[in-house]
Amino acid sequence: MSKAILISFSGGRTSAMMTRLLLTHPMYADREKVVLFANTGREDEATLQFVKDCDDHMSFQTIWVEADITQTRGSDPNLG
């Protein structure tokens, strides 16, 4: 039984190149591969579009993890 590979795709060009290499490398042909993008809600719109474009043109089939921040009076969502 081969282990799955989790690829953390940051949404940058270098990360896209490395993701593509891992998805297509013969060494990992028999492995399940999962591509994950963590959207913190602070990414530039161009980054989000680039992630979508990689899905559309290179079939990354990225799973997006979205931040769900509920601010409470007196709290800072950037802490903890």
C-alpha atoms as a PDB file:
ATOM      1  CA  MET A   1       0.000   0.000   0.000  1.00  0.00           C
ATOM      2  CA  SER A   2       1.558   3.301  -1.060  1.00  0.00           C
ATOM      3  CA  LYS A   3       1.162   6.458   0.952  1.00  0.00           C
ATOM      4  CA  ALA A   4      -0.664   9.516  -0.346  1.00  0.00           C
ATOM      5  CA  ILE A   5       1.212  12.732  -0.962  1.00  0.00           C
ATOM      6  CA  LEU A   6      -0.165  16.014   0.394  1.00  0.00           C
ATOM      7  CA  ILE A   7       1.142  18.963  -1.623  1.00  0.00           C
ATOM      8  CA  SER A   8       0.840  22.372   0.019  1.00  0.00           C
ATOM      9  CA  PHE A   9       0.451  24.844  -2.850  1.00  0.00           C
ATOM     10  CA  SER A  10       1.099  28.427  -1.689  1.00  0.00           C
ATOM     11  CA  GLY A  11      -0.253  30.061  -4.833  1.00  0.00           C
ATOM     12  CA  GLY A  12       3.100  31.347  -6.074  1.00  0.00           C
ATOM     13  CA  ARG A  13       4.928  30.555  -9.320  1.00  0.00           C
ATOM     14  CA  THR A  14       7.673  28.469  -7.687  1.00  0.00           C
ATOM     15  CA  SER A  15       5.106  26.531  -5.679  1.00  0.00           C
ATOM     16  CA  ALA A  16       3.125  25.903  -8.882  1.00  0.00           C
ATOM     17  CA  MET A  17       6.244  24.568 -10.612  1.00  0.00           C
ATOM     18  CA  MET A  18       7.016  22.221  -7.711  1.00  0.00           C
ATOM     19  CA  THR A  19       3.382  21.088  -7.525  1.00  0.00           C
ATOM     20  CA  ARG A  20       3.383  20.293 -11.247  1.00  0.00           C
ATOM     21  CA  LEU A  21       6.649  18.362 -10.898  1.00  0.00           C
ATOM     22  CA  LEU A  22       5.281  16.265  -8.029  1.00  0.00           C
ATOM     23  CA  LEU A  23       2.017  15.577  -9.870  1.00  0.00           C
ATOM     24  CA  THR A  24       3.791  14.405 -13.016  1.00  0.00           C
ATOM     25  CA  HIS A  25       6.979  12.767 -11.686  1.00  0.00           C
ATOM     26  CA  PRO A  26       7.144   9.053 -12.554  1.00  0.00           C
ATOM     27  CA  MET A  27       8.454   8.260  -9.064  1.00  0.00           C
ATOM     28  CA  TYR A  28       5.033   9.179  -7.646  1.00  0.00           C
ATOM     29  CA  ALA A  29       2.872   7.748 -10.427  1.00  0.00           C
ATOM     30  CA  ASP A  30       1.312   5.093  -8.177  1.00  0.00           C
ATOM     31  CA  ARG A  31       0.553   7.486  -5.306  1.00  0.00           C
ATOM     32  CA  GLU A  32      -2.624   9.373  -4.567  1.00  0.00           C
ATOM     33  CA  LYS A  33      -1.827  13.083  -4.663  1.00  0.00           C
ATOM     34  CA  VAL A  34      -3.793  15.838  -2.915  1.00  0.00           C
ATOM     35  CA  VAL A  35      -3.103  19.524  -3.603  1.00  0.00           C
ATOM     36  CA  LEU A  36      -4.083  21.940  -0.833  1.00  0.00           C
ATOM     37  CA  PHE A  37      -4.243  25.754  -0.874  1.00  0.00           C
ATOM     38  CA  ALA A  38      -4.833  27.598   2.415  1.00  0.00           C
ATOM     39  CA  ASN A  39      -6.675  30.861   1.775  1.00  0.00           C
ATOM     40  CA  THR A  40      -6.156  33.022   4.842  1.00  0.00           C
ATOM     41  CA  GLY A  41      -8.365  35.766   3.457  1.00  0.00           C
ATOM     42  CA  ARG A  42      -5.381  38.069   3.049  1.00  0.00           C
ATOM     43  CA  GLU A  43      -4.177  36.854  -0.336  1.00  0.00           C
ATOM     44  CA  ASP A  44      -4.061  39.239  -3.250  1.00  0.00           C
ATOM     45  CA  GLU A  45      -6.799  38.703  -5.853  1.00  0.00           C
ATOM     46  CA  ALA A  46      -4.089  37.893  -8.425  1.00  0.00           C
ATOM     47  CA  THR A  47      -2.891  34.992  -6.245  1.00  0.00           C
ATOM     48  CA  LEU A  48      -6.398  33.560  -6.015  1.00  0.00           C
ATOM     49  CA  GLN A  49      -6.796  33.859  -9.786  1.00  0.00           C
ATOM     50  CA  PHE A  50      -3.418  32.151 -10.315  1.00  0.00           C
ATOM     51  CA  VAL A  51      -4.494  29.194  -8.149  1.00  0.00           C
ATOM     52  CA  LYS A  52      -7.696  28.916 -10.202  1.00  0.00           C
ATOM     53  CA  ASP A  53      -5.711  29.154 -13.447  1.00  0.00           C
ATOM     54  CA  CYS A  54      -3.418  26.322 -12.297  1.00  0.00           C
ATOM     55  CA  ASP A  55      -6.510  24.199 -11.660  1.00  0.00           C
ATOM     56  CA  ASP A  56      -7.949  25.073 -15.073  1.00  0.00           C
ATOM     57  CA  HIS A  57      -4.784  24.655 -17.135  1.00  0.00           C
ATOM     58  CA  MET A  58      -2.721  22.080 -15.225  1.00  0.00           C
ATOM     59  CA  SER A  59      -5.478  20.051 -13.536  1.00  0.00           C
ATOM     60  CA  PHE A  60      -4.188  20.516  -9.983  1.00  0.00           C
ATOM     61  CA  GLN A  61      -7.706  19.842  -8.591  1.00  0.00           C
ATOM     62  CA  THR A  62      -6.764  21.970  -5.611  1.00  0.00           C
ATOM     63  CA  ILE A  63      -8.663  21.697  -2.364  1.00  0.00           C
ATOM     64  CA  TRP A  64      -9.119  25.161  -0.890  1.00  0.00           C
ATOM     65  CA  VAL A  65      -9.085  25.583   2.880  1.00  0.00           C
ATOM     66  CA  GLU A  66     -10.698  28.889   3.829  1.00  0.00           C
ATOM     67  CA  ALA A  67     -10.236  30.953   6.980  1.00  0.00           C
ATOM     68  CA  ASP A  68     -13.429  31.429   8.965  1.00  0.00           C
ATOM     69  CA  ILE A  69     -12.739  34.261  11.377  1.00  0.00           C
ATOM     70  CA  THR A  70     -15.389  35.512  13.756  1.00  0.00           C
ATOM     71  CA  GLN A  71     -14.248  38.658  15.469  1.00  0.00           C
ATOM     72  CA  THR A  72     -15.326  39.221  19.034  1.00  0.00           C
ATOM     73  CA  ARG A  73     -15.150  42.610  20.635  1.00  0.00           C
ATOM     74  CA  GLY A  74     -11.734  43.068  22.193  1.00  0.00           C
ATOM     75  CA  SER A  75     -10.168  40.098  20.417  1.00  0.00           C
ATOM     76  CA  ASP A  76      -7.555  40.057  17.705  1.00  0.00           C
ATOM     77  CA  PRO A  77      -8.008  37.277  15.099  1.00  0.00           C
ATOM     78  CA  ASN A  78      -4.265  37.478  14.370  1.00  0.00           C
ATOM     79  CA  LEU A  79      -3.391  36.263  17.865  1.00  0.00           C
ATOM     80  CA  GLY A  80      -3.559  32.613  18.770  1.00  0.00           C
END
